[in-house]
N, C-alpha and C. Protein backbone atom coordinates (compact mmCIF):
# COMPACT_ATOMS: atom_id res chain seq x y z
N MET A 1 -5.98 22.77 49.20
CA MET A 1 -5.07 21.63 49.09
C MET A 1 -5.67 20.56 48.17
N PHE A 2 -6.96 20.30 48.36
CA PHE A 2 -7.61 19.29 47.53
C PHE A 2 -7.68 19.73 46.08
N ASP A 3 -7.89 21.03 45.86
CA ASP A 3 -7.94 21.55 44.49
C ASP A 3 -6.59 21.40 43.79
N THR A 4 -5.52 21.64 44.51
CA THR A 4 -4.17 21.50 43.93
C THR A 4 -3.90 20.05 43.56
N ALA A 5 -4.35 19.13 44.39
CA ALA A 5 -4.16 17.70 44.09
C ALA A 5 -4.93 17.33 42.83
N LEU A 6 -6.15 17.84 42.69
CA LEU A 6 -6.93 17.55 41.48
C LEU A 6 -6.27 18.16 40.25
N LEU A 7 -5.71 19.36 40.42
CA LEU A 7 -5.03 20.01 39.31
C LEU A 7 -3.83 19.18 38.84
N PHE A 8 -3.01 18.77 39.79
CA PHE A 8 -1.84 17.95 39.43
C PHE A 8 -2.26 16.61 38.84
N PHE A 9 -3.34 16.04 39.39
CA PHE A 9 -3.85 14.78 38.86
C PHE A 9 -4.31 14.96 37.41
N GLY A 10 -5.02 16.05 37.14
CA GLY A 10 -5.48 16.32 35.78
C GLY A 10 -4.33 16.56 34.82
N VAL A 11 -3.32 17.31 35.26
CA VAL A 11 -2.15 17.56 34.41
C VAL A 11 -1.40 16.25 34.15
N GLY A 12 -1.28 15.46 35.20
CA GLY A 12 -0.59 14.16 35.04
C GLY A 12 -1.32 13.25 34.06
N ILE A 13 -2.64 13.21 34.18
CA ILE A 13 -3.42 12.39 33.24
C ILE A 13 -3.26 12.92 31.81
N SER A 14 -3.27 14.22 31.64
CA SER A 14 -3.14 14.81 30.30
C SER A 14 -1.79 14.48 29.68
N ILE A 15 -0.73 14.64 30.47
CA ILE A 15 0.62 14.33 29.96
C ILE A 15 0.72 12.84 29.67
N GLY A 16 0.17 12.02 30.54
CA GLY A 16 0.20 10.57 30.32
C GLY A 16 -0.54 10.17 29.05
N MET A 17 -1.66 10.80 28.80
CA MET A 17 -2.41 10.49 27.58
C MET A 17 -1.64 10.93 26.34
N MET A 18 -0.99 12.09 26.42
CA MET A 18 -0.19 12.54 25.27
C MET A 18 0.94 11.56 24.98
N ILE A 19 1.61 11.12 26.03
CA ILE A 19 2.70 10.16 25.85
C ILE A 19 2.15 8.85 25.28
N ALA A 20 1.00 8.41 25.79
CA ALA A 20 0.40 7.16 25.30
C ALA A 20 0.04 7.28 23.82
N ILE A 21 -0.48 8.43 23.41
CA ILE A 21 -0.84 8.62 22.00
C ILE A 21 0.41 8.60 21.13
N VAL A 22 1.46 9.28 21.55
CA VAL A 22 2.70 9.31 20.76
C VAL A 22 3.30 7.90 20.65
N VAL A 23 3.35 7.18 21.77
CA VAL A 23 3.89 5.81 21.74
C VAL A 23 3.00 4.91 20.88
N GLY A 24 1.69 5.09 20.97
CA GLY A 24 0.78 4.29 20.15
C GLY A 24 0.99 4.52 18.67
N VAL A 25 1.18 5.78 18.28
CA VAL A 25 1.42 6.09 16.87
C VAL A 25 2.75 5.49 16.42
N ILE A 26 3.77 5.63 17.26
CA ILE A 26 5.10 5.08 16.90
C ILE A 26 5.01 3.57 16.72
N LEU A 27 4.26 2.90 17.56
CA LEU A 27 4.12 1.44 17.43
C LEU A 27 3.16 1.05 16.31
N ALA A 28 2.20 1.90 15.99
CA ALA A 28 1.20 1.54 14.99
C ALA A 28 1.72 1.67 13.56
N VAL A 29 2.68 2.56 13.34
CA VAL A 29 3.16 2.78 11.97
C VAL A 29 3.83 1.52 11.40
N PRO A 30 4.78 0.88 12.09
CA PRO A 30 5.36 -0.35 11.51
C PRO A 30 4.33 -1.46 11.35
N VAL A 31 3.41 -1.59 12.30
CA VAL A 31 2.38 -2.63 12.19
C VAL A 31 1.51 -2.37 10.96
N ALA A 32 1.15 -1.12 10.72
CA ALA A 32 0.34 -0.79 9.55
C ALA A 32 1.11 -1.06 8.26
N LEU A 33 2.40 -0.73 8.25
CA LEU A 33 3.20 -0.99 7.04
C LEU A 33 3.33 -2.48 6.76
N ILE A 34 3.53 -3.27 7.81
CA ILE A 34 3.61 -4.73 7.63
C ILE A 34 2.27 -5.27 7.12
N PHE A 35 1.17 -4.76 7.68
CA PHE A 35 -0.15 -5.20 7.23
C PHE A 35 -0.39 -4.84 5.77
N LEU A 36 -0.05 -3.61 5.40
CA LEU A 36 -0.26 -3.19 4.01
C LEU A 36 0.63 -3.98 3.05
N HIS A 37 1.84 -4.31 3.49
CA HIS A 37 2.71 -5.12 2.64
C HIS A 37 2.10 -6.51 2.44
N GLY A 38 1.53 -7.07 3.50
CA GLY A 38 0.86 -8.36 3.37
C GLY A 38 -0.34 -8.30 2.44
N VAL A 39 -1.11 -7.24 2.54
CA VAL A 39 -2.26 -7.06 1.64
C VAL A 39 -1.77 -6.96 0.20
N TYR A 40 -0.67 -6.24 -0.02
CA TYR A 40 -0.13 -6.12 -1.37
C TYR A 40 0.31 -7.48 -1.90
N GLU A 41 1.05 -8.24 -1.06
CA GLU A 41 1.57 -9.54 -1.51
C GLU A 41 0.45 -10.53 -1.81
N VAL A 42 -0.60 -10.52 -1.00
CA VAL A 42 -1.63 -11.54 -1.11
C VAL A 42 -2.73 -11.17 -2.10
N ILE A 43 -3.08 -9.89 -2.17
CA ILE A 43 -4.25 -9.49 -2.96
C ILE A 43 -3.85 -8.73 -4.22
N ILE A 44 -3.07 -7.67 -4.08
CA ILE A 44 -2.84 -6.76 -5.20
C ILE A 44 -1.85 -7.36 -6.21
N ALA A 45 -0.73 -7.92 -5.73
CA ALA A 45 0.30 -8.42 -6.64
C ALA A 45 -0.21 -9.53 -7.56
N PRO A 46 -0.94 -10.54 -7.07
CA PRO A 46 -1.44 -11.56 -8.01
C PRO A 46 -2.38 -11.00 -9.07
N ILE A 47 -3.22 -10.03 -8.68
CA ILE A 47 -4.15 -9.45 -9.65
C ILE A 47 -3.37 -8.71 -10.73
N VAL A 48 -2.41 -7.90 -10.31
CA VAL A 48 -1.61 -7.13 -11.28
C VAL A 48 -0.80 -8.07 -12.16
N LYS A 49 -0.24 -9.13 -11.56
CA LYS A 49 0.53 -10.09 -12.35
C LYS A 49 -0.35 -10.77 -13.39
N GLY A 50 -1.57 -11.16 -12.99
CA GLY A 50 -2.49 -11.80 -13.93
C GLY A 50 -2.88 -10.86 -15.06
N LEU A 51 -3.17 -9.61 -14.71
CA LEU A 51 -3.52 -8.65 -15.76
C LEU A 51 -2.35 -8.43 -16.71
N TRP A 52 -1.14 -8.32 -16.16
CA TRP A 52 0.03 -8.07 -16.99
C TRP A 52 0.30 -9.25 -17.92
N GLU A 53 0.22 -10.48 -17.38
CA GLU A 53 0.45 -11.65 -18.22
C GLU A 53 -0.64 -11.79 -19.28
N GLY A 54 -1.88 -11.48 -18.93
CA GLY A 54 -2.96 -11.52 -19.91
C GLY A 54 -2.75 -10.50 -21.01
N PHE A 55 -2.30 -9.32 -20.64
CA PHE A 55 -2.01 -8.28 -21.63
C PHE A 55 -0.89 -8.72 -22.56
N ARG A 56 0.19 -9.29 -21.98
CA ARG A 56 1.31 -9.74 -22.81
C ARG A 56 0.89 -10.87 -23.74
N GLU A 57 0.08 -11.81 -23.22
CA GLU A 57 -0.37 -12.93 -24.05
C GLU A 57 -1.25 -12.43 -25.20
N GLY A 58 -2.14 -11.49 -24.90
CA GLY A 58 -2.98 -10.93 -25.95
C GLY A 58 -2.17 -10.16 -26.97
N TYR A 59 -1.15 -9.46 -26.51
CA TYR A 59 -0.30 -8.71 -27.43
C TYR A 59 0.49 -9.66 -28.33
N LYS A 60 0.99 -10.77 -27.77
CA LYS A 60 1.70 -11.77 -28.59
C LYS A 60 0.77 -12.36 -29.63
N ARG A 61 -0.46 -12.68 -29.20
CA ARG A 61 -1.43 -13.27 -30.13
C ARG A 61 -1.76 -12.29 -31.25
N GLU A 62 -1.92 -11.02 -30.90
CA GLU A 62 -2.22 -10.01 -31.91
C GLU A 62 -1.08 -9.89 -32.90
N SER A 63 0.15 -9.89 -32.40
CA SER A 63 1.28 -9.67 -33.29
C SER A 63 1.54 -10.89 -34.19
N THR A 64 1.19 -12.10 -33.74
CA THR A 64 1.42 -13.28 -34.58
C THR A 64 0.31 -13.46 -35.62
N ASN A 65 -0.87 -12.88 -35.41
CA ASN A 65 -1.97 -13.04 -36.35
C ASN A 65 -2.08 -11.90 -37.36
N LEU A 66 -1.06 -11.09 -37.46
CA LEU A 66 -1.10 -9.99 -38.42
C LEU A 66 -0.98 -10.54 -39.83
N PRO A 67 -1.66 -9.92 -40.77
CA PRO A 67 -1.51 -10.38 -42.16
C PRO A 67 -0.09 -10.08 -42.65
N PRO A 68 0.40 -10.87 -43.59
CA PRO A 68 1.76 -10.62 -44.08
C PRO A 68 1.84 -9.26 -44.78
N LYS A 69 2.96 -8.64 -44.63
CA LYS A 69 3.15 -7.32 -45.27
C LYS A 69 3.38 -7.49 -46.75
N ALA A 70 2.87 -6.55 -47.52
CA ALA A 70 3.07 -6.60 -48.97
C ALA A 70 4.55 -6.26 -49.24
N PRO A 71 5.11 -6.94 -50.25
CA PRO A 71 6.52 -6.63 -50.57
C PRO A 71 6.65 -5.18 -51.04
N SER A 72 7.68 -4.56 -50.56
CA SER A 72 7.86 -3.15 -50.95
C SER A 72 8.30 -3.09 -52.40
N GLU A 73 7.68 -2.19 -53.14
CA GLU A 73 8.02 -2.06 -54.55
C GLU A 73 9.14 -1.04 -54.68
N SER A 74 10.19 -1.43 -55.36
CA SER A 74 11.29 -0.49 -55.58
C SER A 74 11.30 -0.09 -57.04
N HIS A 75 11.38 1.18 -57.33
CA HIS A 75 11.37 1.66 -58.72
C HIS A 75 12.76 2.04 -59.12
């Protein structure tokens, strides 16, 4: 009788742990996505924006400092 009670207790604990893991994963996914979105907004996006604007500014400066083109000769 005592062995059967331990068996059912062990099975119950195992099923409970499985349910807890599944519920934990279901709850952790949105929290992780919100966290990663915050990391993107605060850290990654400003860096990428700064690099992109610096690249565009350098490209504008390069294109405005080009020497004038020689007139095309037509024969």
